[in-house]
Amino acid sequence: MPFQSALGFAVPLAVAIAALGSAIGLGRMGAAAMEAIGRQPEAASKIQLAMIIGFAFVEALTIYALVTMFILQGKIS
């Protein structure tokens, strides 16, 4: 299998796996934060701040995967 064909299959698959992992992580993080807020409502602002910062880091990893896909996509042709 030529290099370009391998990249043509691997690049979209890698981005799909990164997006799936990100979605699972964001869902679990959001669920845990909502459960924590439900148990301790007076700490909602601190929990929400930590949740938003965590969401930003997880999304950044997905965006890095997307940017890498665009860089490697130029190598295919």
PDB file of N, CA and C in Angstrom:
ATOM      1  N   MET A   1       0.847  -1.177   0.000  1.00  0.00           N
ATOM      2  CA  MET A   1       0.000   0.000   0.000  1.00  0.00           C
ATOM      3  C   MET A   1       0.893   1.239   0.000  1.00  0.00           C
ATOM      4  N   PRO A   2       0.673   2.126  -0.954  1.00  0.00           N
ATOM      5  CA  PRO A   2       1.485   3.351  -1.006  1.00  0.00           C
ATOM      6  C   PRO A   2       1.261   4.245   0.204  1.00  0.00           C
ATOM      7  N   PHE A   3       2.232   5.099   0.423  1.00  0.00           N
ATOM      8  CA  PHE A   3       2.202   6.019   1.565  1.00  0.00           C
ATOM      9  C   PHE A   3       0.961   6.903   1.549  1.00  0.00           C
ATOM     10  N   GLN A   4       0.596   7.425   0.376  1.00  0.00           N
ATOM     11  CA  GLN A   4      -0.553   8.317   0.273  1.00  0.00           C
ATOM     12  C   GLN A   4      -1.859   7.590   0.592  1.00  0.00           C
ATOM     13  N   SER A   5      -1.978   6.347   0.174  1.00  0.00           N
ATOM     14  CA  SER A   5      -3.191   5.577   0.478  1.00  0.00           C
ATOM     15  C   SER A   5      -3.306   5.304   1.966  1.00  0.00           C
ATOM     16  N   ALA A   6      -2.183   4.973   2.584  1.00  0.00           N
ATOM     17  CA  ALA A   6      -2.195   4.728   4.023  1.00  0.00           C
ATOM     18  C   ALA A   6      -2.604   5.981   4.789  1.00  0.00           C
ATOM     19  N   LEU A   7      -2.075   7.140   4.375  1.00  0.00           N
ATOM     20  CA  LEU A   7      -2.465   8.388   5.024  1.00  0.00           C
ATOM     21  C   LEU A   7      -3.926   8.707   4.757  1.00  0.00           C
ATOM     22  N   GLY A   8      -4.396   8.382   3.559  1.00  0.00           N
ATOM     23  CA  GLY A   8      -5.788   8.634   3.218  1.00  0.00           C
ATOM     24  C   GLY A   8      -6.754   7.868   4.107  1.00  0.00           C
ATOM     25  N   PHE A   9      -6.367   6.685   4.551  1.00  0.00           N
ATOM     26  CA  PHE A   9      -7.214   5.909   5.463  1.00  0.00           C
ATOM     27  C   PHE A   9      -6.980   6.288   6.926  1.00  0.00           C
ATOM     28  N   ALA A  10      -5.730   6.524   7.296  1.00  0.00           N
ATOM     29  CA  ALA A  10      -5.377   6.722   8.698  1.00  0.00           C
ATOM     30  C   ALA A  10      -5.775   8.094   9.240  1.00  0.00           C
ATOM     31  N   VAL A  11      -5.640   9.120   8.426  1.00  0.00           N
ATOM     32  CA  VAL A  11      -5.887  10.475   8.916  1.00  0.00           C
ATOM     33  C   VAL A  11      -7.348  10.669   9.345  1.00  0.00           C
ATOM     34  N   PRO A  12      -8.339  10.356   8.502  1.00  0.00           N
ATOM     35  CA  PRO A  12      -9.726  10.528   8.970  1.00  0.00           C
ATOM     36  C   PRO A  12     -10.073   9.614  10.139  1.00  0.00           C
ATOM     37  N   LEU A  13      -9.502   8.421  10.145  1.00  0.00           N
ATOM     38  CA  LEU A  13      -9.760   7.499  11.243  1.00  0.00           C
ATOM     39  C   LEU A  13      -9.203   8.052  12.552  1.00  0.00           C
ATOM     40  N   ALA A  14      -8.026   8.639  12.506  1.00  0.00           N
ATOM     41  CA  ALA A  14      -7.426   9.205  13.713  1.00  0.00           C
ATOM     42  C   ALA A  14      -8.241  10.378  14.236  1.00  0.00           C
ATOM     43  N   VAL A  15      -8.739  11.216  13.345  1.00  0.00           N
ATOM     44  CA  VAL A  15      -9.555  12.349  13.784  1.00  0.00           C
ATOM     45  C   VAL A  15     -10.870  11.853  14.368  1.00  0.00           C
ATOM     46  N   ALA A  16     -11.442  10.819  13.774  1.00  0.00           N
ATOM     47  CA  ALA A  16     -12.692  10.263  14.306  1.00  0.00           C
ATOM     48  C   ALA A  16     -12.472   9.686  15.707  1.00  0.00           C
ATOM     49  N   ILE A  17     -11.371   9.010  15.912  1.00  0.00           N
ATOM     50  CA  ILE A  17     -11.070   8.452  17.230  1.00  0.00           C
ATOM     51  C   ILE A  17     -10.845   9.580  18.245  1.00  0.00           C
ATOM     52  N   ALA A  18     -10.143  10.639  17.825  1.00  0.00           N
ATOM     53  CA  ALA A  18      -9.923  11.783  18.725  1.00  0.00           C
ATOM     54  C   ALA A  18     -11.242  12.454  19.086  1.00  0.00           C
ATOM     55  N   ALA A  19     -12.127  12.603  18.107  1.00  0.00           N
ATOM     56  CA  ALA A  19     -13.426  13.233  18.381  1.00  0.00           C
ATOM     57  C   ALA A  19     -14.280  12.354  19.291  1.00  0.00           C
ATOM     58  N   LEU A  20     -14.240  11.052  19.076  1.00  0.00           N
ATOM     59  CA  LEU A  20     -15.001  10.139  19.920  1.00  0.00           C
ATOM     60  C   LEU A  20     -14.478  10.168  21.357  1.00  0.00           C
ATOM     61  N   GLY A  21     -13.171  10.131  21.514  1.00  0.00           N
ATOM     62  CA  GLY A  21     -12.588  10.205  22.854  1.00  0.00           C
ATOM     63  C   GLY A  21     -12.910  11.517  23.544  1.00  0.00           C
ATOM     64  N   SER A  22     -12.864  12.590  22.790  1.00  0.00           N
ATOM     65  CA  SER A  22     -13.210  13.895  23.348  1.00  0.00           C
ATOM     66  C   SER A  22     -14.667  13.940  23.787  1.00  0.00           C
ATOM     67  N   ALA A  23     -15.564  13.409  22.958  1.00  0.00           N
ATOM     68  CA  ALA A  23     -16.985  13.412  23.307  1.00  0.00           C
ATOM     69  C   ALA A  23     -17.259  12.590  24.560  1.00  0.00           C
ATOM     70  N   ILE A  24     -16.613  11.449  24.670  1.00  0.00           N
ATOM     71  CA  ILE A  24     -16.790  10.615  25.860  1.00  0.00           C
ATOM     72  C   ILE A  24     -16.255  11.338  27.096  1.00  0.00           C
ATOM     73  N   GLY A  25     -15.076  11.942  26.965  1.00  0.00           N
ATOM     74  CA  GLY A  25     -14.494  12.670  28.093  1.00  0.00           C
ATOM     75  C   GLY A  25     -15.326  13.859  28.514  1.00  0.00           C
ATOM     76  N   LEU A  26     -15.828  14.620  27.540  1.00  0.00           N
ATOM     77  CA  LEU A  26     -16.660  15.772  27.870  1.00  0.00           C
ATOM     78  C   LEU A  26     -17.960  15.340  28.542  1.00  0.00           C
ATOM     79  N   GLY A  27     -18.551  14.273  28.059  1.00  0.00           N
ATOM     80  CA  GLY A  27     -19.786  13.778  28.658  1.00  0.00           C
ATOM     81  C   GLY A  27     -19.594  13.318  30.084  1.00  0.00           C
ATOM     82  N   ARG A  28     -18.536  12.578  30.312  1.00  0.00           N
ATOM     83  CA  ARG A  28     -18.277  12.103  31.681  1.00  0.00           C
ATOM     84  C   ARG A  28     -17.936  13.257  32.613  1.00  0.00           C
ATOM     85  N   MET A  29     -17.159  14.221  32.104  1.00  0.00           N
ATOM     86  CA  MET A  29     -16.793  15.365  32.929  1.00  0.00           C
ATOM     87  C   MET A  29     -18.021  16.206  33.277  1.00  0.00           C
ATOM     88  N   GLY A  30     -18.880  16.429  32.301  1.00  0.00           N
ATOM     89  CA  GLY A  30     -20.096  17.197  32.555  1.00  0.00           C
ATOM     90  C   GLY A  30     -21.023  16.490  33.525  1.00  0.00           C
ATOM     91  N   ALA A  31     -21.171  15.181  33.367  1.00  0.00           N
ATOM     92  CA  ALA A  31     -22.036  14.416  34.266  1.00  0.00           C
ATOM     93  C   ALA A  31     -21.500  14.437  35.693  1.00  0.00           C
ATOM     94  N   ALA A  32     -20.199  14.293  35.828  1.00  0.00           N
ATOM     95  CA  ALA A  32     -19.613  14.313  37.170  1.00  0.00           C
ATOM     96  C   ALA A  32     -19.754  15.694  37.816  1.00  0.00           C
ATOM     97  N   ALA A  33     -19.596  16.736  37.014  1.00  0.00           N
ATOM     98  CA  ALA A  33     -19.741  18.085  37.562  1.00  0.00           C
ATOM     99  C   ALA A  33     -21.179  18.339  37.989  1.00  0.00           C
ATOM    100  N   MET A  34     -22.130  17.916  37.185  1.00  0.00           N
ATOM    101  CA  MET A  34     -23.538  18.128  37.559  1.00  0.00           C
ATOM    102  C   MET A  34     -23.908  17.334  38.809  1.00  0.00           C
ATOM    103  N   GLU A  35     -23.355  16.143  38.934  1.00  0.00           N
ATOM    104  CA  GLU A  35     -23.598  15.342  40.137  1.00  0.00           C
ATOM    105  C   GLU A  35     -22.980  16.011  41.364  1.00  0.00           C
ATOM    106  N   ALA A  36     -21.778  16.567  41.190  1.00  0.00           N
ATOM    107  CA  ALA A  36     -21.129  17.250  42.306  1.00  0.00           C
ATOM    108  C   ALA A  36     -21.899  18.502  42.713  1.00  0.00           C
ATOM    109  N   ILE A  37     -22.414  19.234  41.738  1.00  0.00           N
ATOM    110  CA  ILE A  37     -23.213  20.422  42.047  1.00  0.00           C
ATOM    111  C   ILE A  37     -24.507  20.021  42.744  1.00  0.00           C
ATOM    112  N   GLY A  38     -25.100  18.913  42.325  1.00  0.00           N
ATOM    113  CA  GLY A  38     -26.308  18.426  42.979  1.00  0.00           C
ATOM    114  C   GLY A  38     -26.072  18.026  44.422  1.00  0.00           C
ATOM    115  N   ARG A  39     -24.893  17.496  44.707  1.00  0.00           N
ATOM    116  CA  ARG A  39     -24.587  17.081  46.072  1.00  0.00           C
ATOM    117  C   ARG A  39     -24.189  18.250  46.961  1.00  0.00           C
ATOM    118  N   GLN A  40     -23.539  19.250  46.355  1.00  0.00           N
ATOM    119  CA  GLN A  40     -23.040  20.378  47.134  1.00  0.00           C
ATOM    120  C   GLN A  40     -23.304  21.680  46.368  1.00  0.00           C
ATOM    121  N   PRO A  41     -24.534  22.171  46.397  1.00  0.00           N
ATOM    122  CA  PRO A  41     -24.901  23.343  45.593  1.00  0.00           C
ATOM    123  C   PRO A  41     -24.131  24.618  45.943  1.00  0.00           C
ATOM    124  N   GLU A  42     -23.673  24.735  47.170  1.00  0.00           N
ATOM    125  CA  GLU A  42     -22.956  25.956  47.547  1.00  0.00           C
ATOM    126  C   GLU A  42     -21.585  26.065  46.880  1.00  0.00           C
ATOM    127  N   ALA A  43     -21.055  24.968  46.360  1.00  0.00           N
ATOM    128  CA  ALA A  43     -19.762  24.975  45.674  1.00  0.00           C
ATOM    129  C   ALA A  43     -19.925  25.012  44.154  1.00  0.00           C
ATOM    130  N   ALA A  44     -21.111  25.387  43.689  1.00  0.00           N
ATOM    131  CA  ALA A  44     -21.400  25.340  42.257  1.00  0.00           C
ATOM    132  C   ALA A  44     -20.458  26.219  41.438  1.00  0.00           C
ATOM    133  N   SER A  45     -20.128  27.398  41.935  1.00  0.00           N
ATOM    134  CA  SER A  45     -19.279  28.302  41.142  1.00  0.00           C
ATOM    135  C   SER A  45     -17.870  27.738  40.962  1.00  0.00           C
ATOM    136  N   LYS A  46     -17.315  27.141  42.017  1.00  0.00           N
ATOM    137  CA  LYS A  46     -15.979  26.549  41.910  1.00  0.00           C
ATOM    138  C   LYS A  46     -15.995  25.324  40.993  1.00  0.00           C
ATOM    139  N   ILE A  47     -17.007  24.509  41.116  1.00  0.00           N
ATOM    140  CA  ILE A  47     -17.114  23.309  40.288  1.00  0.00           C
ATOM    141  C   ILE A  47     -17.304  23.697  38.830  1.00  0.00           C
ATOM    142  N   GLN A  48     -18.141  24.700  38.599  1.00  0.00           N
ATOM    143  CA  GLN A  48     -18.410  25.125  37.233  1.00  0.00           C
ATOM    144  C   GLN A  48     -17.150  25.706  36.588  1.00  0.00           C
ATOM    145  N   LEU A  49     -16.371  26.474  37.323  1.00  0.00           N
ATOM    146  CA  LEU A  49     -15.136  27.027  36.788  1.00  0.00           C
ATOM    147  C   LEU A  49     -14.159  25.927  36.407  1.00  0.00           C
ATOM    148  N   ALA A  50     -13.989  24.950  37.287  1.00  0.00           N
ATOM    149  CA  ALA A  50     -13.098  23.827  36.992  1.00  0.00           C
ATOM    150  C   ALA A  50     -13.595  23.025  35.793  1.00  0.00           C
ATOM    151  N   MET A  51     -14.906  22.875  35.681  1.00  0.00           N
ATOM    152  CA  MET A  51     -15.485  22.138  34.565  1.00  0.00           C
ATOM    153  C   MET A  51     -15.225  22.854  33.244  1.00  0.00           C
ATOM    154  N   ILE A  52     -15.403  24.158  33.220  1.00  0.00           N
ATOM    155  CA  ILE A  52     -15.196  24.915  31.985  1.00  0.00           C
ATOM    156  C   ILE A  52     -13.732  24.881  31.570  1.00  0.00           C
ATOM    157  N   ILE A  53     -12.819  24.991  32.512  1.00  0.00           N
ATOM    158  CA  ILE A  53     -11.389  24.912  32.185  1.00  0.00           C
ATOM    159  C   ILE A  53     -11.054  23.521  31.654  1.00  0.00           C
ATOM    160  N   GLY A  54     -11.598  22.486  32.271  1.00  0.00           N
ATOM    161  CA  GLY A  54     -11.383  21.126  31.780  1.00  0.00           C
ATOM    162  C   GLY A  54     -11.946  20.924  30.391  1.00  0.00           C
ATOM    163  N   PHE A  55     -13.133  21.473  30.127  1.00  0.00           N
ATOM    164  CA  PHE A  55     -13.719  21.387  28.794  1.00  0.00           C
ATOM    165  C   PHE A  55     -12.798  22.030  27.762  1.00  0.00           C
ATOM    166  N   ALA A  56     -12.225  23.177  28.110  1.00  0.00           N
ATOM    167  CA  ALA A  56     -11.341  23.878  27.173  1.00  0.00           C
ATOM    168  C   ALA A  56     -10.114  23.032  26.844  1.00  0.00           C
ATOM    169  N   PHE A  57      -9.535  22.377  27.839  1.00  0.00           N
ATOM    170  CA  PHE A  57      -8.356  21.543  27.588  1.00  0.00           C
ATOM    171  C   PHE A  57      -8.698  20.336  26.714  1.00  0.00           C
ATOM    172  N   VAL A  58      -9.828  19.706  26.971  1.00  0.00           N
ATOM    173  CA  VAL A  58     -10.228  18.542  26.178  1.00  0.00           C
ATOM    174  C   VAL A  58     -10.515  18.959  24.741  1.00  0.00           C
ATOM    175  N   GLU A  59     -11.202  20.074  24.560  1.00  0.00           N
ATOM    176  CA  GLU A  59     -11.488  20.559  23.209  1.00  0.00           C
ATOM    177  C   GLU A  59     -10.210  20.949  22.479  1.00  0.00           C
ATOM    178  N   ALA A  60      -9.229  21.482  23.213  1.00  0.00           N
ATOM    179  CA  ALA A  60      -7.961  21.857  22.582  1.00  0.00           C
ATOM    180  C   ALA A  60      -7.269  20.632  21.995  1.00  0.00           C
ATOM    181  N   LEU A  61      -7.323  19.513  22.685  1.00  0.00           N
ATOM    182  CA  LEU A  61      -6.712  18.296  22.148  1.00  0.00           C
ATOM    183  C   LEU A  61      -7.395  17.856  20.861  1.00  0.00           C
ATOM    184  N   THR A  62      -8.711  18.001  20.787  1.00  0.00           N
ATOM    185  CA  THR A  62      -9.437  17.646  19.573  1.00  0.00           C
ATOM    186  C   THR A  62      -9.073  18.596  18.439  1.00  0.00           C
ATOM    187  N   ILE A  63      -8.928  19.866  18.744  1.00  0.00           N
ATOM    188  CA  ILE A  63      -8.550  20.835  17.710  1.00  0.00           C
ATOM    189  C   ILE A  63      -7.142  20.552  17.212  1.00  0.00           C
ATOM    190  N   TYR A  64      -6.237  20.130  18.089  1.00  0.00           N
ATOM    191  CA  TYR A  64      -4.890  19.753  17.647  1.00  0.00           C
ATOM    192  C   TYR A  64      -4.951  18.589  16.663  1.00  0.00           C
ATOM    193  N   ALA A  65      -5.810  17.626  16.933  1.00  0.00           N
ATOM    194  CA  ALA A  65      -5.970  16.496  16.012  1.00  0.00           C
ATOM    195  C   ALA A  65      -6.507  16.966  14.664  1.00  0.00           C
ATOM    196  N   LEU A  66      -7.441  17.906  14.684  1.00  0.00           N
ATOM    197  CA  LEU A  66      -8.002  18.432  13.442  1.00  0.00           C
ATOM    198  C   LEU A  66      -6.949  19.200  12.644  1.00  0.00           C
ATOM    199  N   VAL A  67      -6.156  20.010  13.309  1.00  0.00           N
ATOM    200  CA  VAL A  67      -5.093  20.755  12.631  1.00  0.00           C
ATOM    201  C   VAL A  67      -4.066  19.796  12.048  1.00  0.00           C
ATOM    202  N   THR A  68      -3.720  18.761  12.803  1.00  0.00           N
ATOM    203  CA  THR A  68      -2.784  17.757  12.299  1.00  0.00           C
ATOM    204  C   THR A  68      -3.353  17.071  11.072  1.00  0.00           C
ATOM    205  N   MET A  69      -4.664  16.830  11.059  1.00  0.00           N
ATOM    206  CA  MET A  69      -5.280  16.220   9.884  1.00  0.00           C
ATOM    207  C   MET A  69      -5.114  17.112   8.669  1.00  0.00           C
ATOM    208  N   PHE A  70      -5.337  18.420   8.813  1.00  0.00           N
ATOM    209  CA  PHE A  70      -5.196  19.320   7.687  1.00  0.00           C
ATOM    210  C   PHE A  70      -3.762  19.382   7.204  1.00  0.00           C
ATOM    211  N   ILE A  71      -2.807  19.310   8.123  1.00  0.00           N
ATOM    212  CA  ILE A  71      -1.387  19.323   7.731  1.00  0.00           C
ATOM    213  C   ILE A  71      -1.044  18.053   6.959  1.00  0.00           C
ATOM    214  N   LEU A  72      -1.484  16.906   7.472  1.00  0.00           N
ATOM    215  CA  LEU A  72      -1.181  15.645   6.801  1.00  0.00           C
ATOM    216  C   LEU A  72      -1.974  15.448   5.513  1.00  0.00           C
ATOM    217  N   GLN A  73      -3.110  16.107   5.404  1.00  0.00           N
ATOM    218  CA  GLN A  73      -3.905  15.998   4.196  1.00  0.00           C
ATOM    219  C   GLN A  73      -3.157  16.582   2.997  1.00  0.00           C
ATOM    220  N   GLY A  74      -2.315  17.571   3.239  1.00  0.00           N
ATOM    221  CA  GLY A  74      -1.493  18.133   2.175  1.00  0.00           C
ATOM    222  C   GLY A  74      -0.457  17.151   1.682  1.00  0.00           C
ATOM    223  N   LYS A  75      -0.075  16.184   2.475  1.00  0.00           N
ATOM    224  CA  LYS A  75       0.907  15.170   2.080  1.00  0.00           C
ATOM    225  C   LYS A  75       0.301  14.072   1.225  1.00  0.00           C
ATOM    226  N   ILE A  76      -1.023  13.966   1.207  1.00  0.00           N
ATOM    227  CA  ILE A  76      -1.677  12.876   0.479  1.00  0.00           C
ATOM    228  C   ILE A  76      -1.571  13.063  -1.024  1.00  0.00           C
ATOM    229  N   SER A  77      -1.773  14.280  -1.499  1.00  0.00           N
ATOM    230  CA  SER A  77      -1.775  14.486  -2.953  1.00  0.00           C
ATOM    231  C   SER A  77      -0.423  14.746  -3.541  1.00  0.00           C
TER     232      SER A  77
END
